[in-house]
PDB file of all heavy atoms in Angstrom:
ATOM      1  N   PRO A   1       0.782  -1.232   0.000  1.00  0.00           N
ATOM      2  CA  PRO A   1      -0.030  -0.019  -0.026  1.00  0.00           C
ATOM      3  C   PRO A   1       0.789   1.291   0.016  1.00  0.00           C
ATOM      4  O   PRO A   1       0.362   2.343  -0.533  1.00  0.00           O
ATOM      5  CB  PRO A   1      -0.852  -0.098   1.280  1.00  0.00           C
ATOM      6  CG  PRO A   1      -0.970  -1.560   1.537  1.00  0.00           C
ATOM      7  CD  PRO A   1       0.350  -2.185   1.041  1.00  0.00           C
ATOM      8  N   SER A   2       1.986   1.277   0.594  1.00  0.00           N
ATOM      9  CA  SER A   2       2.777   2.500   0.694  1.00  0.00           C
ATOM     10  C   SER A   2       3.327   3.016  -0.593  1.00  0.00           C
ATOM     11  O   SER A   2       3.929   4.044  -0.729  1.00  0.00           O
ATOM     12  CB  SER A   2       3.894   2.367   1.738  1.00  0.00           C
ATOM     13  OG  SER A   2       3.338   2.319   3.029  1.00  0.00           O
ATOM     14  N   THR A   3       3.253   2.147  -1.685  1.00  0.00           N
ATOM     15  CA  THR A   3       3.581   2.696  -3.008  1.00  0.00           C
ATOM     16  C   THR A   3       2.495   3.483  -3.639  1.00  0.00           C
ATOM     17  O   THR A   3       2.764   4.055  -4.773  1.00  0.00           O
ATOM     18  CB  THR A   3       3.920   1.436  -3.905  1.00  0.00           C
ATOM     19  OG1 THR A   3       2.835   0.668  -4.118  1.00  0.00           O
ATOM     20  CG2 THR A   3       5.051   0.633  -3.329  1.00  0.00           C
ATOM     21  N   LEU A   4       1.343   3.544  -3.032  1.00  0.00           N
ATOM     22  CA  LEU A   4       0.195   4.309  -3.582  1.00  0.00           C
ATOM     23  C   LEU A   4       0.186   5.755  -3.126  1.00  0.00           C
ATOM     24  O   LEU A   4       0.758   6.117  -2.107  1.00  0.00           O
ATOM     25  CB  LEU A   4      -1.049   3.625  -3.231  1.00  0.00           C
ATOM     26  CG  LEU A   4      -1.184   2.155  -3.542  1.00  0.00           C
ATOM     27  CD1 LEU A   4      -2.527   1.553  -2.962  1.00  0.00           C
ATOM     28  CD2 LEU A   4      -1.303   1.987  -5.089  1.00  0.00           C
ATOM     29  N   PRO A   5      -0.516   6.583  -3.942  1.00  0.00           N
ATOM     30  CA  PRO A   5      -0.628   7.971  -3.409  1.00  0.00           C
ATOM     31  C   PRO A   5      -1.410   8.020  -2.075  1.00  0.00           C
ATOM     32  O   PRO A   5      -2.134   7.153  -1.743  1.00  0.00           O
ATOM     33  CB  PRO A   5      -1.467   8.648  -4.563  1.00  0.00           C
ATOM     34  CG  PRO A   5      -1.305   7.775  -5.733  1.00  0.00           C
ATOM     35  CD  PRO A   5      -1.070   6.360  -5.149  1.00  0.00           C
ATOM     36  N   THR A   6      -1.133   9.088  -1.358  1.00  0.00           N
ATOM     37  CA  THR A   6      -1.771   9.141   0.006  1.00  0.00           C
ATOM     38  C   THR A   6      -2.266  10.695   0.293  1.00  0.00           C
ATOM     39  O   THR A   6      -1.541  11.618  -0.150  1.00  0.00           O
ATOM     40  CB  THR A   6      -0.692   8.838   1.010  1.00  0.00           C
ATOM     41  OG1 THR A   6      -0.244   7.544   0.825  1.00  0.00           O
ATOM     42  CG2 THR A   6      -1.242   8.884   2.441  1.00  0.00           C
ATOM     43  N   ARG A   7      -3.344  10.746   0.955  1.00  0.00           N
ATOM     44  CA  ARG A   7      -3.794  11.968   1.491  1.00  0.00           C
ATOM     45  C   ARG A   7      -3.786  11.827   2.968  1.00  0.00           C
ATOM     46  O   ARG A   7      -4.654  11.251   3.585  1.00  0.00           O
ATOM     47  CB  ARG A   7      -5.257  12.368   1.025  1.00  0.00           C
ATOM     48  CG  ARG A   7      -5.714  13.719   1.398  1.00  0.00           C
ATOM     49  CD  ARG A   7      -7.190  13.857   1.256  1.00  0.00           C
ATOM     50  NE  ARG A   7      -7.521  15.285   1.311  1.00  0.00           N
ATOM     51  CZ  ARG A   7      -7.733  15.937   2.501  1.00  0.00           C
ATOM     52  NH1 ARG A   7      -7.485  15.308   3.623  1.00  0.00           N
ATOM     53  NH2 ARG A   7      -8.107  17.267   2.485  1.00  0.00           N
ATOM     54  N   ARG A   8      -2.682  12.363   3.603  1.00  0.00           N
ATOM     55  CA  ARG A   8      -2.577  12.241   5.018  1.00  0.00           C
ATOM     56  C   ARG A   8      -3.518  13.138   5.773  1.00  0.00           C
ATOM     57  O   ARG A   8      -3.836  14.267   5.325  1.00  0.00           O
ATOM     58  CB  ARG A   8      -1.060  12.545   5.425  1.00  0.00           C
ATOM     59  CG  ARG A   8      -0.079  11.684   4.694  1.00  0.00           C
ATOM     60  CD  ARG A   8       0.167  10.397   5.560  1.00  0.00           C
ATOM     61  NE  ARG A   8       1.158   9.494   4.835  1.00  0.00           N
ATOM     62  CZ  ARG A   8       1.688   8.488   5.429  1.00  0.00           C
ATOM     63  NH1 ARG A   8       1.279   8.078   6.626  1.00  0.00           N
ATOM     64  NH2 ARG A   8       2.573   7.713   4.735  1.00  0.00           N
ATOM     65  N   GLU A   9      -3.968  12.682   6.910  1.00  0.00           N
ATOM     66  CA  GLU A   9      -4.918  13.510   7.642  1.00  0.00           C
ATOM     67  C   GLU A   9      -4.297  14.484   8.639  1.00  0.00           C
ATOM     68  O   GLU A   9      -4.939  15.310   9.160  1.00  0.00           O
ATOM     69  CB  GLU A   9      -5.873  12.541   8.468  1.00  0.00           C
ATOM     70  CG  GLU A   9      -6.782  11.693   7.551  1.00  0.00           C
ATOM     71  CD  GLU A   9      -7.679  12.586   6.713  1.00  0.00           C
ATOM     72  OE1 GLU A   9      -8.191  13.654   7.193  1.00  0.00           O
ATOM     73  OE2 GLU A   9      -7.886  12.256   5.463  1.00  0.00           O
ATOM     74  N   SER A  10      -2.955  14.343   8.869  1.00  0.00           N
ATOM     75  CA  SER A  10      -2.318  15.273   9.798  1.00  0.00           C
ATOM     76  C   SER A  10      -1.009  15.724   9.123  1.00  0.00           C
ATOM     77  O   SER A  10      -0.423  15.060   8.293  1.00  0.00           O
ATOM     78  CB  SER A  10      -1.974  14.512  11.087  1.00  0.00           C
ATOM     79  OG  SER A  10      -1.044  15.278  11.793  1.00  0.00           O
ATOM     80  N   ALA A  11      -0.655  16.937   9.461  1.00  0.00           N
ATOM     81  CA  ALA A  11       0.587  17.521   8.872  1.00  0.00           C
ATOM     82  C   ALA A  11       1.794  17.294   9.773  1.00  0.00           C
ATOM     83  O   ALA A  11       2.949  17.491   9.306  1.00  0.00           O
ATOM     84  CB  ALA A  11       0.491  19.021   8.700  1.00  0.00           C
ATOM     85  N   TYR A  12       1.660  16.805  10.967  1.00  0.00           N
ATOM     86  CA  TYR A  12       2.701  16.676  11.915  1.00  0.00           C
ATOM     87  C   TYR A  12       3.012  15.304  12.417  1.00  0.00           C
ATOM     88  O   TYR A  12       3.996  15.021  13.085  1.00  0.00           O
ATOM     89  CB  TYR A  12       2.482  17.638  13.140  1.00  0.00           C
ATOM     90  CG  TYR A  12       1.197  17.408  13.839  1.00  0.00           C
ATOM     91  CD1 TYR A  12       1.045  16.490  14.909  1.00  0.00           C
ATOM     92  CD2 TYR A  12       0.003  18.144  13.470  1.00  0.00           C
ATOM     93  CE1 TYR A  12      -0.163  16.277  15.499  1.00  0.00           C
ATOM     94  CE2 TYR A  12      -1.179  17.912  14.070  1.00  0.00           C
ATOM     95  CZ  TYR A  12      -1.246  17.045  15.176  1.00  0.00           C
ATOM     96  OH  TYR A  12      -2.456  16.873  15.746  1.00  0.00           O
ATOM     97  N   ALA A  13       2.025  14.348  12.204  1.00  0.00           N
ATOM     98  CA  ALA A  13       2.223  12.904  12.685  1.00  0.00           C
ATOM     99  C   ALA A  13       1.767  11.992  11.561  1.00  0.00           C
ATOM    100  O   ALA A  13       0.822  12.340  10.814  1.00  0.00           O
ATOM    101  CB  ALA A  13       1.411  12.753  13.966  1.00  0.00           C
ATOM    102  N   ALA A  14       2.356  10.876  11.453  1.00  0.00           N
ATOM    103  CA  ALA A  14       2.033   9.985  10.304  1.00  0.00           C
ATOM    104  C   ALA A  14       2.093   8.517  10.638  1.00  0.00           C
ATOM    105  O   ALA A  14       2.961   8.159  11.518  1.00  0.00           O
ATOM    106  CB  ALA A  14       2.983  10.172   9.157  1.00  0.00           C
ATOM    107  N   TRP A  15       1.195   7.690  10.097  1.00  0.00           N
ATOM    108  CA  TRP A  15       1.326   6.259  10.187  1.00  0.00           C
ATOM    109  C   TRP A  15       2.382   5.880   9.120  1.00  0.00           C
ATOM    110  O   TRP A  15       2.445   6.390   8.032  1.00  0.00           O
ATOM    111  CB  TRP A  15       0.036   5.543   9.754  1.00  0.00           C
ATOM    112  CG  TRP A  15      -1.225   5.781  10.479  1.00  0.00           C
ATOM    113  CD1 TRP A  15      -2.348   6.316  10.086  1.00  0.00           C
ATOM    114  CD2 TRP A  15      -1.476   5.344  11.870  1.00  0.00           C
ATOM    115  NE1 TRP A  15      -3.287   6.325  11.090  1.00  0.00           N
ATOM    116  CE2 TRP A  15      -2.748   5.618  12.191  1.00  0.00           C
ATOM    117  CE3 TRP A  15      -0.711   4.713  12.858  1.00  0.00           C
ATOM    118  CZ2 TRP A  15      -3.321   5.399  13.399  1.00  0.00           C
ATOM    119  CZ3 TRP A  15      -1.239   4.417  14.092  1.00  0.00           C
ATOM    120  CH2 TRP A  15      -2.497   4.777  14.407  1.00  0.00           C
ATOM    121  N   VAL A  16       3.209   4.863   9.418  1.00  0.00           N
ATOM    122  CA  VAL A  16       4.126   4.335   8.448  1.00  0.00           C
ATOM    123  C   VAL A  16       3.994   2.780   8.543  1.00  0.00           C
ATOM    124  O   VAL A  16       4.375   2.154   9.608  1.00  0.00           O
ATOM    125  CB  VAL A  16       5.612   4.664   8.641  1.00  0.00           C
ATOM    126  CG1 VAL A  16       6.544   3.945   7.716  1.00  0.00           C
ATOM    127  CG2 VAL A  16       5.776   6.214   8.507  1.00  0.00           C
ATOM    128  N   SER A  17       3.430   2.170   7.502  1.00  0.00           N
ATOM    129  CA  SER A  17       3.165   0.716   7.588  1.00  0.00           C
ATOM    130  C   SER A  17       4.445  -0.015   7.231  1.00  0.00           C
ATOM    131  O   SER A  17       5.131   0.314   6.302  1.00  0.00           O
ATOM    132  CB  SER A  17       2.134   0.413   6.514  1.00  0.00           C
ATOM    133  OG  SER A  17       1.799  -0.964   6.542  1.00  0.00           O
ATOM    134  N   ILE A  18       4.792  -0.972   8.124  1.00  0.00           N
ATOM    135  CA  ILE A  18       6.012  -1.766   7.977  1.00  0.00           C
ATOM    136  C   ILE A  18       5.754  -3.158   7.454  1.00  0.00           C
ATOM    137  O   ILE A  18       6.702  -3.889   6.996  1.00  0.00           O
ATOM    138  CB  ILE A  18       6.883  -1.766   9.191  1.00  0.00           C
ATOM    139  CG1 ILE A  18       6.265  -2.622  10.319  1.00  0.00           C
ATOM    140  CG2 ILE A  18       7.148  -0.362   9.668  1.00  0.00           C
ATOM    141  CD1 ILE A  18       7.187  -2.801  11.488  1.00  0.00           C
ATOM    142  N   SER A  19       4.482  -3.633   7.640  1.00  0.00           N
ATOM    143  CA  SER A  19       4.079  -4.933   7.193  1.00  0.00           C
ATOM    144  C   SER A  19       2.636  -4.981   7.010  1.00  0.00           C
ATOM    145  O   SER A  19       1.902  -4.193   7.620  1.00  0.00           O
ATOM    146  CB  SER A  19       4.618  -6.021   8.237  1.00  0.00           C
ATOM    147  OG  SER A  19       3.960  -5.865   9.386  1.00  0.00           O
ATOM    148  N   VAL A  20       2.178  -6.020   6.287  1.00  0.00           N
ATOM    149  CA  VAL A  20       0.748  -6.316   6.205  1.00  0.00           C
ATOM    150  C   VAL A  20       0.563  -7.803   6.377  1.00  0.00           C
ATOM    151  O   VAL A  20       1.447  -8.589   6.179  1.00  0.00           O
ATOM    152  CB  VAL A  20       0.190  -5.878   4.772  1.00  0.00           C
ATOM    153  CG1 VAL A  20       0.232  -4.377   4.659  1.00  0.00           C
ATOM    154  CG2 VAL A  20       0.860  -6.638   3.604  1.00  0.00           C
ATOM    155  N   GLY A  21      -0.662  -8.127   6.800  1.00  0.00           N
ATOM    156  CA  GLY A  21      -0.999  -9.593   7.003  1.00  0.00           C
ATOM    157  C   GLY A  21      -0.546 -10.073   8.327  1.00  0.00           C
ATOM    158  O   GLY A  21      -0.035  -9.382   9.178  1.00  0.00           O
ATOM    159  N   CYS A  22      -0.915 -11.328   8.667  1.00  0.00           N
ATOM    160  CA  CYS A  22      -0.733 -11.910   9.956  1.00  0.00           C
ATOM    161  C   CYS A  22      -0.546 -13.374   9.826  1.00  0.00           C
ATOM    162  O   CYS A  22      -1.217 -14.116   9.101  1.00  0.00           O
ATOM    163  CB  CYS A  22      -1.936 -11.604  10.871  1.00  0.00           C
ATOM    164  SG  CYS A  22      -1.888 -12.276  12.486  1.00  0.00           S
ATOM    165  N   ASN A  23       0.442 -13.948  10.627  1.00  0.00           N
ATOM    166  CA  ASN A  23       0.703 -15.396  10.523  1.00  0.00           C
ATOM    167  C   ASN A  23       0.063 -16.123  11.711  1.00  0.00           C
ATOM    168  O   ASN A  23       0.282 -17.403  11.809  1.00  0.00           O
ATOM    169  CB  ASN A  23       2.253 -15.658  10.503  1.00  0.00           C
ATOM    170  CG  ASN A  23       2.887 -15.143   9.304  1.00  0.00           C
ATOM    171  OD1 ASN A  23       2.238 -14.966   8.225  1.00  0.00           O
ATOM    172  ND2 ASN A  23       4.188 -14.918   9.302  1.00  0.00           N
ATOM    173  N   ASN A  24      -0.604 -15.479  12.668  1.00  0.00           N
ATOM    174  CA  ASN A  24      -1.215 -16.002  13.758  1.00  0.00           C
ATOM    175  C   ASN A  24      -2.584 -16.694  13.398  1.00  0.00           C
ATOM    176  O   ASN A  24      -3.171 -16.473  12.380  1.00  0.00           O
ATOM    177  CB  ASN A  24      -1.353 -15.121  14.918  1.00  0.00           C
ATOM    178  CG  ASN A  24      -0.084 -14.588  15.470  1.00  0.00           C
ATOM    179  OD1 ASN A  24       0.827 -15.490  15.592  1.00  0.00           O
ATOM    180  ND2 ASN A  24       0.161 -13.355  15.752  1.00  0.00           N
ATOM    181  N   THR A  25      -3.029 -17.498  14.369  1.00  0.00           N
ATOM    182  CA  THR A  25      -4.357 -18.298  14.156  1.00  0.00           C
ATOM    183  C   THR A  25      -5.237 -18.209  15.341  1.00  0.00           C
ATOM    184  O   THR A  25      -5.808 -19.084  15.741  1.00  0.00           O
ATOM    185  CB  THR A  25      -4.004 -19.707  13.739  1.00  0.00           C
ATOM    186  OG1 THR A  25      -3.324 -20.282  14.924  1.00  0.00           O
ATOM    187  CG2 THR A  25      -3.253 -19.898  12.534  1.00  0.00           C
ATOM    188  N   CYS A  26      -5.305 -16.856  15.896  1.00  0.00           N
ATOM    189  CA  CYS A  26      -6.202 -16.750  17.116  1.00  0.00           C
ATOM    190  C   CYS A  26      -7.627 -17.140  16.817  1.00  0.00           C
ATOM    191  O   CYS A  26      -8.164 -16.804  15.723  1.00  0.00           O
ATOM    192  CB  CYS A  26      -6.163 -15.280  17.536  1.00  0.00           C
ATOM    193  SG  CYS A  26      -4.537 -14.633  17.960  1.00  0.00           S
ATOM    194  N   THR A  27      -8.232 -17.878  17.658  1.00  0.00           N
ATOM    195  CA  THR A  27      -9.582 -18.440  17.321  1.00  0.00           C
ATOM    196  C   THR A  27     -10.676 -17.417  17.285  1.00  0.00           C
ATOM    197  O   THR A  27     -11.774 -17.733  16.868  1.00  0.00           O
ATOM    198  CB  THR A  27      -9.865 -19.560  18.404  1.00  0.00           C
ATOM    199  OG1 THR A  27      -9.834 -19.021  19.648  1.00  0.00           O
ATOM    200  CG2 THR A  27      -8.941 -20.724  18.238  1.00  0.00           C
TER     201      THR A  27
END
């Protein structure tokens, strides 16, 4: 997703995604 254009909601703080998905199997 981080290769896509973005409209950030804040000018001073940002999310930065480092991974997607999950390998766990919580019931």
